[in-house]
C-alpha atoms as a PDB file:
ATOM      1  CA  MET A   1       0.000   0.000   0.000  1.00  0.00           C
ATOM      2  CA  VAL A   2       1.271   3.459  -0.949  1.00  0.00           C
ATOM      3  CA  ASN A   3       1.249   6.027   1.824  1.00  0.00           C
ATOM      4  CA  ARG A   4       0.135   9.226   0.143  1.00  0.00           C
ATOM      5  CA  ARG A   5      -0.017  12.606   1.870  1.00  0.00           C
ATOM      6  CA  THR A   6      -3.085  14.735   1.265  1.00  0.00           C
ATOM      7  CA  GLY A   7      -2.998  18.494   0.939  1.00  0.00           C
ATOM      8  CA  PHE A   8      -2.594  21.301  -1.519  1.00  0.00           C
ATOM      9  CA  THR A   9       0.371  21.747  -3.778  1.00  0.00           C
ATOM     10  CA  LEU A  10       2.214  25.017  -4.087  1.00  0.00           C
ATOM     11  CA  ILE A  11       0.802  25.559  -7.570  1.00  0.00           C
ATOM     12  CA  GLU A  12      -2.776  25.145  -6.345  1.00  0.00           C
ATOM     13  CA  LEU A  13      -2.188  27.661  -3.553  1.00  0.00           C
ATOM     14  CA  LEU A  14      -0.657  30.164  -5.981  1.00  0.00           C
ATOM     15  CA  VAL A  15      -3.614  29.848  -8.351  1.00  0.00           C
ATOM     16  CA  VAL A  16      -6.075  30.449  -5.517  1.00  0.00           C
ATOM     17  CA  MET A  17      -4.074  33.483  -4.307  1.00  0.00           C
ATOM     18  CA  ALA A  18      -4.024  34.885  -7.855  1.00  0.00           C
ATOM     19  CA  VAL A  19      -7.801  34.536  -8.154  1.00  0.00           C
ATOM     20  CA  ILE A  20      -8.326  36.240  -4.779  1.00  0.00           C
ATOM     21  CA  ALA A  21      -5.952  39.069  -5.744  1.00  0.00           C
ATOM     22  CA  THR A  22      -7.804  39.599  -9.019  1.00  0.00           C
ATOM     23  CA  LEU A  23     -11.150  39.776  -7.254  1.00  0.00           C
ATOM     24  CA  LEU A  24      -9.772  42.251  -4.713  1.00  0.00           C
ATOM     25  CA  THR A  25      -8.432  44.554  -7.415  1.00  0.00           C
ATOM     26  CA  LEU A  26     -11.990  44.820  -8.707  1.00  0.00           C
ATOM     27  CA  ALA A  27     -13.717  45.191  -5.333  1.00  0.00           C
ATOM     28  CA  ILE A  28     -11.439  47.570  -3.388  1.00  0.00           C
ATOM     29  CA  PRO A  29     -11.825  50.657  -5.649  1.00  0.00           C
ATOM     30  CA  ARG A  30     -15.594  50.284  -5.602  1.00  0.00           C
ATOM     31  CA  TYR A  31     -15.556  50.029  -1.822  1.00  0.00           C
ATOM     32  CA  PHE A  32     -13.584  53.244  -1.372  1.00  0.00           C
ATOM     33  CA  ALA A  33     -15.746  55.056  -3.917  1.00  0.00           C
ATOM     34  CA  SER A  34     -18.865  54.060  -1.977  1.00  0.00           C
ATOM     35  CA  VAL A  35     -17.289  55.281   1.277  1.00  0.00           C
ATOM     36  CA  ASP A  36     -16.568  58.660  -0.351  1.00  0.00           C
ATOM     37  CA  ARG A  37     -20.132  58.879  -1.715  1.00  0.00           C
ATOM     38  CA  SER A  38     -21.581  58.159   1.716  1.00  0.00           C
ATOM     39  CA  LYS A  39     -19.393  60.831   3.358  1.00  0.00           C
ATOM     40  CA  GLU A  40     -20.605  63.358   0.807  1.00  0.00           C
ATOM     41  CA  ALA A  41     -24.226  62.395   1.452  1.00  0.00           C
ATOM     42  CA  VAL A  42     -23.758  62.834   5.196  1.00  0.00           C
ATOM     43  CA  LEU A  43     -22.001  66.165   4.610  1.00  0.00           C
ATOM     44  CA  ARG A  44     -24.905  67.460   2.518  1.00  0.00           C
ATOM     45  CA  GLU A  45     -27.422  66.297   5.130  1.00  0.00           C
ATOM     46  CA  ASN A  46     -25.483  67.923   7.988  1.00  0.00           C
ATOM     47  CA  LEU A  47     -25.236  71.181   6.035  1.00  0.00           C
ATOM     48  CA  ASN A  48     -28.986  71.125   5.335  1.00  0.00           C
ATOM     49  CA  THR A  49     -29.734  70.483   9.004  1.00  0.00           C
ATOM     50  CA  MET A  50     -27.567  73.360  10.194  1.00  0.00           C
ATOM     51  CA  ARG A  51     -28.890  75.724   7.514  1.00  0.00           C
ATOM     52  CA  ASP A  52     -32.437  74.858   8.544  1.00  0.00           C
ATOM     53  CA  ALA A  53     -31.570  75.565  12.190  1.00  0.00           C
ATOM     54  CA  ILE A  54     -30.040  78.928  11.210  1.00  0.00           C
ATOM     55  CA  ASP A  55     -33.213  79.820   9.293  1.00  0.00           C
ATOM     56  CA  LYS A  56     -35.426  78.845  12.238  1.00  0.00           C
ATOM     57  CA  PHE A  57     -33.257  80.875  14.631  1.00  0.00           C
ATOM     58  CA  HIS A  58     -33.577  83.873  12.318  1.00  0.00           C
ATOM     59  CA  ALA A  59     -37.340  83.414  11.976  1.00  0.00           C
ATOM     60  CA  ASP A  60     -37.784  83.213  15.768  1.00  0.00           C
ATOM     61  CA  THR A  61     -35.458  86.017  16.853  1.00  0.00           C
ATOM     62  CA  GLY A  62     -35.119  88.274  13.799  1.00  0.00           C
ATOM     63  CA  ASN A  63     -31.336  87.961  14.013  1.00  0.00           C
ATOM     64  CA  TYR A  64     -28.800  85.430  12.853  1.00  0.00           C
ATOM     65  CA  PRO A  65     -27.042  83.405  15.556  1.00  0.00           C
ATOM     66  CA  PRO A  66     -23.743  85.001  16.661  1.00  0.00           C
ATOM     67  CA  THR A  67     -21.960  81.621  16.493  1.00  0.00           C
ATOM     68  CA  LEU A  68     -22.791  78.070  15.532  1.00  0.00           C
ATOM     69  CA  GLN A  69     -22.553  77.103  19.184  1.00  0.00           C
ATOM     70  CA  ASP A  70     -25.537  79.365  19.908  1.00  0.00           C
ATOM     71  CA  LEU A  71     -27.683  76.988  17.867  1.00  0.00           C
ATOM     72  CA  VAL A  72     -26.798  74.302  20.404  1.00  0.00           C
ATOM     73  CA  THR A  73     -27.148  76.589  23.416  1.00  0.00           C
ATOM     74  CA  LYS A  74     -30.631  77.714  22.352  1.00  0.00           C
ATOM     75  CA  ARG A  75     -31.596  74.095  21.516  1.00  0.00           C
ATOM     76  CA  TYR A  76     -32.020  74.479  17.768  1.00  0.00           C
ATOM     77  CA  LEU A  77     -29.506  71.630  17.489  1.00  0.00           C
ATOM     78  CA  ARG A  78     -28.667  68.971  20.065  1.00  0.00           C
ATOM     79  CA  SER A  79     -25.007  69.245  19.149  1.00  0.00           C
ATOM     80  CA  LEU A  80     -22.930  70.476  16.269  1.00  0.00           C
ATOM     81  CA  PRO A  81     -22.757  67.693  13.712  1.00  0.00           C
ATOM     82  CA  VAL A  82     -19.431  66.223  12.740  1.00  0.00           C
ATOM     83  CA  ASP A  83     -18.034  67.132   9.352  1.00  0.00           C
ATOM     84  CA  PRO A  84     -17.670  63.619   7.903  1.00  0.00           C
ATOM     85  CA  VAL A  85     -14.757  64.587   5.666  1.00  0.00           C
ATOM     86  CA  THR A  86     -12.615  66.135   8.415  1.00  0.00           C
ATOM     87  CA  GLU A  87     -14.205  63.988  11.145  1.00  0.00           C
ATOM     88  CA  SER A  88     -14.471  66.994  13.464  1.00  0.00           C
ATOM     89  CA  PRO A  89     -17.325  69.294  14.543  1.00  0.00           C
ATOM     90  CA  LEU A  90     -14.862  72.203  14.828  1.00  0.00           C
ATOM     91  CA  THR A  91     -14.010  72.680  11.146  1.00  0.00           C
ATOM     92  CA  TRP A  92     -17.271  74.249   9.974  1.00  0.00           C
ATOM     93  CA  LEU A  93     -16.879  77.645   8.300  1.00  0.00           C
ATOM     94  CA  ALA A  94     -19.479  80.163   9.448  1.00  0.00           C
ATOM     95  CA  LEU A  95     -20.274  82.769   6.787  1.00  0.00           C
ATOM     96  CA  PRO A  96     -21.589  86.195   7.779  1.00  0.00           C
ATOM     97  CA  PRO A  97     -24.752  87.628   6.225  1.00  0.00           C
ATOM     98  CA  PRO A  98     -24.632  90.328   3.560  1.00  0.00           C
ATOM     99  CA  ALA A  99     -23.363  93.616   5.012  1.00  0.00           C
ATOM    100  CA  ALA A 100     -26.759  95.318   5.148  1.00  0.00           C
ATOM    101  CA  THR A 101     -28.365  92.741   7.447  1.00  0.00           C
ATOM    102  CA  GLY A 102     -25.952  92.807  10.403  1.00  0.00           C
ATOM    103  CA  GLY A 103     -23.704  90.184  11.922  1.00  0.00           C
ATOM    104  CA  GLY A 104     -23.944  86.559  12.882  1.00  0.00           C
ATOM    105  CA  VAL A 105     -23.907  83.265  11.048  1.00  0.00           C
ATOM    106  CA  TYR A 106     -25.787  83.462   7.759  1.00  0.00           C
ATOM    107  CA  ASP A 107     -24.551  80.243   6.180  1.00  0.00           C
ATOM    108  CA  VAL A 108     -22.250  77.348   6.968  1.00  0.00           C
ATOM    109  CA  ARG A 109     -19.756  75.490   4.800  1.00  0.00           C
ATOM    110  CA  SER A 110     -17.406  72.575   5.243  1.00  0.00           C
ATOM    111  CA  GLY A 111     -13.825  73.382   6.164  1.00  0.00           C
ATOM    112  CA  ALA A 112     -12.566  70.280   4.397  1.00  0.00           C
ATOM    113  CA  GLU A 113     -10.028  70.585   1.638  1.00  0.00           C
ATOM    114  CA  GLY A 114     -10.366  68.695  -1.596  1.00  0.00           C
ATOM    115  CA  ASN A 115     -13.065  68.079  -4.135  1.00  0.00           C
ATOM    116  CA  ALA A 116     -16.301  66.139  -4.070  1.00  0.00           C
ATOM    117  CA  GLN A 117     -17.006  63.519  -6.696  1.00  0.00           C
ATOM    118  CA  ASP A 118     -18.896  66.038  -8.840  1.00  0.00           C
ATOM    119  CA  GLY A 119     -15.764  68.220  -9.035  1.00  0.00           C
ATOM    120  CA  ARG A 120     -16.883  70.997  -6.706  1.00  0.00           C
ATOM    121  CA  LYS A 121     -14.846  71.833  -3.622  1.00  0.00           C
ATOM    122  CA  TYR A 122     -16.237  70.604  -0.312  1.00  0.00           C
ATOM    123  CA  SER A 123     -16.404  74.228   0.814  1.00  0.00           C
ATOM    124  CA  GLU A 124     -18.811  74.994  -2.054  1.00  0.00           C
ATOM    125  CA  LEU A 125     -21.449  72.366  -1.236  1.00  0.00           C
END
């Protein structure tokens, strides 16, 4: 009787590793693209939420909030949302209103550098 060892040969293992590597080269770029798309979606939603809170503050008081933190203090927001691109709630850019209407926060933009997938800068969304 011949005593034969069972297992995989080196060639079989290399073929399997090559197939896995090929599949990963197709899947990884799509994964990172979907992560970027989801960050942009969250960024747009956070900007809409803060802009809505600024509008409500202005409608209630007749003035724009002096700072973004005032939206939290006066309970228009529970907390400042995190900028998903910079992963920080401290990088928002507060824009003042046109000169004729006084001071405060008129609009908010992302402080992130770089471009969104549509080619616009994050600070222009």
